[in-house]
Each structure stands twice: as C-alpha cells, then as structure tokens.
C-alpha cells in the first residue's frame, strides 16, 4: 500500500508468538520459508525465539521438524 511502512514477517511472528508457539507443537503443521537467504536469516531466529520463550527445546524441535519434513527452507 502506498505510504504504508514496511513490515517484516519475523516482526509479525514475534507479535503473534503465543499463537505460533501453539502451532510449533502441533504434529500436522508445516513451515515453509522461501525467497532470499536473508528471509531465512530473519525467520528462523524468530522461530527459535518464539520456541525458547514458550519453554520449548528449539534444538530438538528444529531437528524433529526437519526430520519429519515439516520445516522447509528454500532460499537462495
């Protein structure tokens, strides 16, 4: 929108951290990050922060999401 300030997806993720933390624990939720490499560099740390703030073990969760094919990173 003309005149609107830019907003990054990771900012929206942090704003909705409580909702996202619940989704991180759902077995049928998939996360897709695609676009420029800088997108991954902003979104993945935001996911990590949301998980840790919710008391989740991010290292184990990330490994499980990747192993189960529920975290897809397609950046260039």
PDB file of N, CA and C in Angstrom:
ATOM      1  N   UNK A   1       0.838  -1.180   0.000  1.00  0.00           N
ATOM      2  CA  UNK A   1       0.000   0.000   0.000  1.00  0.00           C
ATOM      3  C   UNK A   1       0.884   1.244   0.000  1.00  0.00           C
ATOM      4  N   UNK A   2       0.559   2.190  -0.827  1.00  0.00           N
ATOM      5  CA  UNK A   2       1.336   3.427  -0.858  1.00  0.00           C
ATOM      6  C   UNK A   2       1.316   4.121   0.502  1.00  0.00           C
ATOM      7  N   UNK A   3       2.493   4.542   0.937  1.00  0.00           N
ATOM      8  CA  UNK A   3       2.588   5.268   2.197  1.00  0.00           C
ATOM      9  C   UNK A   3       2.670   4.386   3.426  1.00  0.00           C
ATOM     10  N   UNK A   4       2.417   3.087   3.277  1.00  0.00           N
ATOM     11  CA  UNK A   4       2.486   2.177   4.429  1.00  0.00           C
ATOM     12  C   UNK A   4       3.948   1.845   4.709  1.00  0.00           C
ATOM     13  N   UNK A   5       4.264   1.688   5.982  1.00  0.00           N
ATOM     14  CA  UNK A   5       5.633   1.324   6.324  1.00  0.00           C
ATOM     15  C   UNK A   5       5.841  -0.162   6.051  1.00  0.00           C
ATOM     16  N   UNK A   6       7.099  -0.520   5.781  1.00  0.00           N
ATOM     17  CA  UNK A   6       7.423  -1.916   5.508  1.00  0.00           C
ATOM     18  C   UNK A   6       7.335  -2.715   6.794  1.00  0.00           C
ATOM     19  N   UNK A   7       6.926  -3.941   6.645  1.00  0.00           N
ATOM     20  CA  UNK A   7       6.791  -4.816   7.810  1.00  0.00           C
ATOM     21  C   UNK A   7       7.419  -6.158   7.463  1.00  0.00           C
ATOM     22  N   UNK A   8       8.274  -6.647   8.319  1.00  0.00           N
ATOM     23  CA  UNK A   8       8.954  -7.919   8.084  1.00  0.00           C
ATOM     24  C   UNK A   8       8.143  -9.053   8.709  1.00  0.00           C
ATOM     25  N   UNK A   9       8.192 -10.195   8.048  1.00  0.00           N
ATOM     26  CA  UNK A   9       7.429 -11.345   8.530  1.00  0.00           C
ATOM     27  C   UNK A   9       7.877 -11.743   9.936  1.00  0.00           C
ATOM     28  N   UNK A  10       9.164 -11.639  10.235  1.00  0.00           N
ATOM     29  CA  UNK A  10       9.621 -12.024  11.567  1.00  0.00           C
ATOM     30  C   UNK A  10       9.054 -11.121  12.653  1.00  0.00           C
ATOM     31  N   UNK A  11       8.759  -9.867  12.319  1.00  0.00           N
ATOM     32  CA  UNK A  11       8.120  -8.975  13.287  1.00  0.00           C
ATOM     33  C   UNK A  11       6.700  -9.452  13.581  1.00  0.00           C
ATOM     34  N   UNK A  12       5.984  -9.844  12.543  1.00  0.00           N
ATOM     35  CA  UNK A  12       4.633 -10.378  12.730  1.00  0.00           C
ATOM     36  C   UNK A  12       4.674 -11.673  13.529  1.00  0.00           C
ATOM     37  N   UNK A  13       5.693 -12.494  13.289  1.00  0.00           N
ATOM     38  CA  UNK A  13       5.831 -13.750  14.037  1.00  0.00           C
ATOM     39  C   UNK A  13       6.019 -13.463  15.521  1.00  0.00           C
ATOM     40  N   UNK A  14       6.840 -12.492  15.841  1.00  0.00           N
ATOM     41  CA  UNK A  14       7.072 -12.144  17.257  1.00  0.00           C
ATOM     42  C   UNK A  14       5.807 -11.567  17.895  1.00  0.00           C
ATOM     43  N   UNK A  15       5.060 -10.781  17.134  1.00  0.00           N
ATOM     44  CA  UNK A  15       3.809 -10.226  17.654  1.00  0.00           C
ATOM     45  C   UNK A  15       2.795 -11.318  17.969  1.00  0.00           C
ATOM     46  N   UNK A  16       2.805 -12.380  17.189  1.00  0.00           N
ATOM     47  CA  UNK A  16       1.857 -13.484  17.368  1.00  0.00           C
ATOM     48  C   UNK A  16       2.536 -14.696  18.001  1.00  0.00           C
ATOM     49  N   UNK A  17       3.539 -14.450  18.842  1.00  0.00           N
ATOM     50  CA  UNK A  17       4.364 -15.515  19.417  1.00  0.00           C
ATOM     51  C   UNK A  17       3.544 -16.575  20.142  1.00  0.00           C
ATOM     52  N   UNK A  18       2.546 -16.180  20.893  1.00  0.00           N
ATOM     53  CA  UNK A  18       1.744 -17.165  21.638  1.00  0.00           C
ATOM     54  C   UNK A  18       1.032 -18.120  20.681  1.00  0.00           C
ATOM     55  N   UNK A  19       0.465 -17.579  19.616  1.00  0.00           N
ATOM     56  CA  UNK A  19      -0.213 -18.426  18.623  1.00  0.00           C
ATOM     57  C   UNK A  19       0.792 -19.330  17.911  1.00  0.00           C
ATOM     58  N   UNK A  20       1.919 -18.764  17.553  1.00  0.00           N
ATOM     59  CA  UNK A  20       2.934 -19.525  16.838  1.00  0.00           C
ATOM     60  C   UNK A  20       3.511 -20.635  17.717  1.00  0.00           C
ATOM     61  N   UNK A  21       3.688 -20.360  19.000  1.00  0.00           N
ATOM     62  CA  UNK A  21       4.194 -21.386  19.924  1.00  0.00           C
ATOM     63  C   UNK A  21       3.250 -22.585  19.978  1.00  0.00           C
ATOM     64  N   UNK A  22       1.961 -22.330  19.956  1.00  0.00           N
ATOM     65  CA  UNK A  22       0.993 -23.437  19.934  1.00  0.00           C
ATOM     66  C   UNK A  22       1.114 -24.234  18.636  1.00  0.00           C
ATOM     67  N   UNK A  23       1.279 -23.527  17.523  1.00  0.00           N
ATOM     68  CA  UNK A  23       1.410 -24.203  16.229  1.00  0.00           C
ATOM     69  C   UNK A  23       2.681 -25.045  16.158  1.00  0.00           C
ATOM     70  N   UNK A  24       3.750 -24.563  16.775  1.00  0.00           N
ATOM     71  CA  UNK A  24       5.005 -25.314  16.766  1.00  0.00           C
ATOM     72  C   UNK A  24       4.849 -26.694  17.404  1.00  0.00           C
ATOM     73  N   UNK A  25       3.861 -26.832  18.255  1.00  0.00           N
ATOM     74  CA  UNK A  25       3.658 -28.093  18.965  1.00  0.00           C
ATOM     75  C   UNK A  25       2.644 -29.011  18.286  1.00  0.00           C
ATOM     76  N   UNK A  26       2.024 -28.533  17.229  1.00  0.00           N
ATOM     77  CA  UNK A  26       1.035 -29.341  16.507  1.00  0.00           C
ATOM     78  C   UNK A  26       1.726 -30.291  15.530  1.00  0.00           C
ATOM     79  N   UNK A  27       1.325 -31.552  15.500  1.00  0.00           N
ATOM     80  CA  UNK A  27       2.001 -32.523  14.629  1.00  0.00           C
ATOM     81  C   UNK A  27       1.695 -32.376  13.140  1.00  0.00           C
ATOM     82  N   UNK A  28       0.633 -31.641  12.762  1.00  0.00           N
ATOM     83  CA  UNK A  28       0.334 -31.526  11.329  1.00  0.00           C
ATOM     84  C   UNK A  28       0.576 -30.122  10.773  1.00  0.00           C
ATOM     85  N   UNK A  29       1.439 -29.365  11.417  1.00  0.00           N
ATOM     86  CA  UNK A  29       1.764 -28.022  10.948  1.00  0.00           C
ATOM     87  C   UNK A  29       3.107 -28.055  10.211  1.00  0.00           C
ATOM     88  N   UNK A  30       3.146 -27.401   9.062  1.00  0.00           N
ATOM     89  CA  UNK A  30       4.349 -27.334   8.240  1.00  0.00           C
ATOM     90  C   UNK A  30       4.773 -25.880   8.094  1.00  0.00           C
ATOM     91  N   UNK A  31       6.073 -25.644   8.083  1.00  0.00           N
ATOM     92  CA  UNK A  31       6.626 -24.312   7.925  1.00  0.00           C
ATOM     93  C   UNK A  31       7.442 -24.258   6.637  1.00  0.00           C
ATOM     94  N   UNK A  32       7.137 -23.290   5.800  1.00  0.00           N
ATOM     95  CA  UNK A  32       7.852 -23.094   4.538  1.00  0.00           C
ATOM     96  C   UNK A  32       8.453 -21.698   4.537  1.00  0.00           C
ATOM     97  N   UNK A  33       9.745 -21.630   4.303  1.00  0.00           N
ATOM     98  CA  UNK A  33      10.431 -20.349   4.187  1.00  0.00           C
ATOM     99  C   UNK A  33      11.075 -20.345   2.807  1.00  0.00           C
ATOM    100  N   UNK A  34      10.663 -19.416   1.972  1.00  0.00           N
ATOM    101  CA  UNK A  34      11.237 -19.365   0.637  1.00  0.00           C
ATOM    102  C   UNK A  34      11.517 -17.917   0.262  1.00  0.00           C
ATOM    103  N   UNK A  35      12.481 -17.760  -0.613  1.00  0.00           N
ATOM    104  CA  UNK A  35      12.851 -16.428  -1.061  1.00  0.00           C
ATOM    105  C   UNK A  35      14.327 -16.198  -0.870  1.00  0.00           C
ATOM    106  N   UNK A  36      14.687 -14.976  -0.646  1.00  0.00           N
ATOM    107  CA  UNK A  36      16.092 -14.627  -0.465  1.00  0.00           C
ATOM    108  C   UNK A  36      16.639 -15.212   0.835  1.00  0.00           C
ATOM    109  N   UNK A  37      17.931 -15.503   0.832  1.00  0.00           N
ATOM    110  CA  UNK A  37      18.601 -16.073   2.006  1.00  0.00           C
ATOM    111  C   UNK A  37      18.366 -15.203   3.240  1.00  0.00           C
ATOM    112  N   UNK A  38      18.282 -13.907   3.057  1.00  0.00           N
ATOM    113  CA  UNK A  38      18.053 -13.007   4.196  1.00  0.00           C
ATOM    114  C   UNK A  38      16.715 -13.286   4.867  1.00  0.00           C
ATOM    115  N   UNK A  39      15.760 -13.825   4.134  1.00  0.00           N
ATOM    116  CA  UNK A  39      14.469 -14.183   4.729  1.00  0.00           C
ATOM    117  C   UNK A  39      14.668 -15.288   5.762  1.00  0.00           C
ATOM    118  N   UNK A  40      15.434 -16.302   5.369  1.00  0.00           N
ATOM    119  CA  UNK A  40      15.733 -17.408   6.288  1.00  0.00           C
ATOM    120  C   UNK A  40      16.474 -16.886   7.524  1.00  0.00           C
ATOM    121  N   UNK A  41      17.387 -15.967   7.298  1.00  0.00           N
ATOM    122  CA  UNK A  41      18.194 -15.426   8.387  1.00  0.00           C
ATOM    123  C   UNK A  41      17.372 -14.581   9.363  1.00  0.00           C
ATOM    124  N   UNK A  42      16.178 -14.181   8.974  1.00  0.00           N
ATOM    125  CA  UNK A  42      15.292 -13.459   9.887  1.00  0.00           C
ATOM    126  C   UNK A  42      14.229 -14.352  10.485  1.00  0.00           C
ATOM    127  N   UNK A  43      13.688 -15.256   9.675  1.00  0.00           N
ATOM    128  CA  UNK A  43      12.557 -16.087  10.108  1.00  0.00           C
ATOM    129  C   UNK A  43      12.985 -17.200  11.059  1.00  0.00           C
ATOM    130  N   UNK A  44      14.078 -17.876  10.753  1.00  0.00           N
ATOM    131  CA  UNK A  44      14.495 -18.998  11.600  1.00  0.00           C
ATOM    132  C   UNK A  44      14.856 -18.521  13.016  1.00  0.00           C
ATOM    133  N   UNK A  45      15.631 -17.454  13.186  1.00  0.00           N
ATOM    134  CA  UNK A  45      15.870 -16.965  14.546  1.00  0.00           C
ATOM    135  C   UNK A  45      14.585 -16.518  15.255  1.00  0.00           C
ATOM    136  N   UNK A  46      13.623 -16.004  14.500  1.00  0.00           N
ATOM    137  CA  UNK A  46      12.343 -15.626  15.110  1.00  0.00           C
ATOM    138  C   UNK A  46      11.620 -16.871  15.612  1.00  0.00           C
ATOM    139  N   UNK A  47      11.616 -17.935  14.818  1.00  0.00           N
ATOM    140  CA  UNK A  47      11.015 -19.201  15.266  1.00  0.00           C
ATOM    141  C   UNK A  47      11.717 -19.708  16.521  1.00  0.00           C
ATOM    142  N   UNK A  48      13.044 -19.636  16.505  1.00  0.00           N
ATOM    143  CA  UNK A  48      13.812 -20.080  17.671  1.00  0.00           C
ATOM    144  C   UNK A  48      13.427 -19.278  18.909  1.00  0.00           C
ATOM    145  N   UNK A  49      13.345 -17.966  18.774  1.00  0.00           N
ATOM    146  CA  UNK A  49      12.982 -17.118  19.911  1.00  0.00           C
ATOM    147  C   UNK A  49      11.600 -17.425  20.445  1.00  0.00           C
ATOM    148  N   UNK A  50      10.659 -17.633  19.550  1.00  0.00           N
ATOM    149  CA  UNK A  50       9.292 -17.973  19.957  1.00  0.00           C
ATOM    150  C   UNK A  50       9.292 -19.300  20.713  1.00  0.00           C
ATOM    151  N   UNK A  51      10.012 -20.279  20.178  1.00  0.00           N
ATOM    152  CA  UNK A  51      10.065 -21.600  20.812  1.00  0.00           C
ATOM    153  C   UNK A  51      10.691 -21.516  22.198  1.00  0.00           C
ATOM    154  N   UNK A  52      11.820 -20.866  22.294  1.00  0.00           N
ATOM    155  CA  UNK A  52      12.516 -20.775  23.591  1.00  0.00           C
ATOM    156  C   UNK A  52      11.686 -20.003  24.610  1.00  0.00           C
ATOM    157  N   UNK A  53      11.048 -18.932  24.167  1.00  0.00           N
ATOM    158  CA  UNK A  53      10.208 -18.141  25.075  1.00  0.00           C
ATOM    159  C   UNK A  53       9.049 -18.974  25.617  1.00  0.00           C
ATOM    160  N   UNK A  54       8.589 -19.939  24.810  1.00  0.00           N
ATOM    161  CA  UNK A  54       7.494 -20.815  25.228  1.00  0.00           C
ATOM    162  C   UNK A  54       7.998 -22.011  26.031  1.00  0.00           C
ATOM    163  N   UNK A  55       9.311 -22.057  26.287  1.00  0.00           N
ATOM    164  CA  UNK A  55       9.873 -23.146  27.073  1.00  0.00           C
ATOM    165  C   UNK A  55      10.120 -24.417  26.277  1.00  0.00           C
ATOM    166  N   UNK A  56      10.146 -24.298  24.952  1.00  0.00           N
ATOM    167  CA  UNK A  56      10.381 -25.457  24.093  1.00  0.00           C
ATOM    168  C   UNK A  56      11.877 -25.604  23.811  1.00  0.00           C
ATOM    169  N   UNK A  57      12.321 -26.832  23.650  1.00  0.00           N
ATOM    170  CA  UNK A  57      13.711 -27.117  23.312  1.00  0.00           C
ATOM    171  C   UNK A  57      13.868 -26.933  21.799  1.00  0.00           C
ATOM    172  N   UNK A  58      14.362 -25.768  21.384  1.00  0.00           N
ATOM    173  CA  UNK A  58      14.430 -25.444  19.974  1.00  0.00           C
ATOM    174  C   UNK A  58      15.310 -26.416  19.195  1.00  0.00           C
ATOM    175  N   UNK A  59      16.436 -26.813  19.757  1.00  0.00           N
ATOM    176  CA  UNK A  59      17.339 -27.706  19.033  1.00  0.00           C
ATOM    177  C   UNK A  59      16.638 -29.023  18.707  1.00  0.00           C
ATOM    178  N   UNK A  60      15.948 -29.587  19.682  1.00  0.00           N
ATOM    179  CA  UNK A  60      15.221 -30.845  19.461  1.00  0.00           C
ATOM    180  C   UNK A  60      14.034 -30.622  18.528  1.00  0.00           C
ATOM    181  N   UNK A  61      13.330 -29.520  18.727  1.00  0.00           N
ATOM    182  CA  UNK A  61      12.161 -29.224  17.899  1.00  0.00           C
ATOM    183  C   UNK A  61      12.560 -29.008  16.442  1.00  0.00           C
ATOM    184  N   UNK A  62      13.610 -28.233  16.226  1.00  0.00           N
ATOM    185  CA  UNK A  62      14.062 -27.981  14.848  1.00  0.00           C
ATOM    186  C   UNK A  62      14.483 -29.289  14.179  1.00  0.00           C
ATOM    187  N   UNK A  63      15.215 -30.114  14.907  1.00  0.00           N
ATOM    188  CA  UNK A  63      15.649 -31.404  14.357  1.00  0.00           C
ATOM    189  C   UNK A  63      14.437 -32.265  13.997  1.00  0.00           C
ATOM    190  N   UNK A  64      13.436 -32.288  14.868  1.00  0.00           N
ATOM    191  CA  UNK A  64      12.231 -33.080  14.605  1.00  0.00           C
ATOM    192  C   UNK A  64      11.465 -32.534  13.408  1.00  0.00           C
ATOM    193  N   UNK A  65      11.307 -31.227  13.340  1.00  0.00           N
ATOM    194  CA  UNK A  65      10.597 -30.613  12.216  1.00  0.00           C
ATOM    195  C   UNK A  65      11.283 -30.942  10.892  1.00  0.00           C
ATOM    196  N   UNK A  66      12.594 -30.878  10.880  1.00  0.00           N
ATOM    197  CA  UNK A  66      13.334 -31.182   9.645  1.00  0.00           C
ATOM    198  C   UNK A  66      13.259 -32.668   9.314  1.00  0.00           C
ATOM    199  N   UNK A  67      13.440 -33.512  10.325  1.00  0.00           N
ATOM    200  CA  UNK A  67      13.410 -34.964  10.111  1.00  0.00           C
ATOM    201  C   UNK A  67      12.039 -35.417   9.595  1.00  0.00           C
ATOM    202  N   UNK A  68      10.984 -34.795  10.111  1.00  0.00           N
ATOM    203  CA  UNK A  68       9.615 -35.142   9.723  1.00  0.00           C
ATOM    204  C   UNK A  68       9.174 -34.430   8.445  1.00  0.00           C
ATOM    205  N   UNK A  69      10.058 -33.625   7.882  1.00  0.00           N
ATOM    206  CA  UNK A  69       9.721 -32.907   6.657  1.00  0.00           C
ATOM    207  C   UNK A  69       8.726 -31.784   6.874  1.00  0.00           C
ATOM    208  N   UNK A  70       8.723 -31.204   8.075  1.00  0.00           N
ATOM    209  CA  UNK A  70       7.753 -30.143   8.376  1.00  0.00           C
ATOM    210  C   UNK A  70       8.380 -28.754   8.421  1.00  0.00           C
ATOM    211  N   UNK A  71       9.689 -28.678   8.191  1.00  0.00           N
ATOM    212  CA  UNK A  71      10.371 -27.385   8.102  1.00  0.00           C
ATOM    213  C   UNK A  71      11.126 -27.370   6.779  1.00  0.00           C
ATOM    214  N   UNK A  72      10.673 -26.533   5.873  1.00  0.00           N
ATOM    215  CA  UNK A  72      11.256 -26.448   4.535  1.00  0.00           C
ATOM    216  C   UNK A  72      11.894 -25.070   4.351  1.00  0.00           C
ATOM    217  N   UNK A  73      13.170 -25.064   4.044  1.00  0.00           N
ATOM    218  CA  UNK A  73      13.897 -23.829   3.797  1.00  0.00           C
ATOM    219  C   UNK A  73      14.367 -23.840   2.359  1.00  0.00           C
ATOM    220  N   UNK A  74      13.759 -23.012   1.553  1.00  0.00           N
ATOM    221  CA  UNK A  74      14.117 -22.926   0.136  1.00  0.00           C
ATOM    222  C   UNK A  74      14.495 -21.488  -0.171  1.00  0.00           C
ATOM    223  N   UNK A  75      15.756 -21.187   0.139  1.00  0.00           N
ATOM    224  CA  UNK A  75      16.230 -19.814  -0.042  1.00  0.00           C
ATOM    225  C   UNK A  75      17.436 -19.821  -0.976  1.00  0.00           C
ATOM    226  N   UNK A  76      17.690 -18.678  -1.527  1.00  0.00           N
ATOM    227  CA  UNK A  76      18.808 -18.540  -2.474  1.00  0.00           C
ATOM    228  C   UNK A  76      19.545 -17.245  -2.246  1.00  0.00           C
TER     229      UNK A  76
END
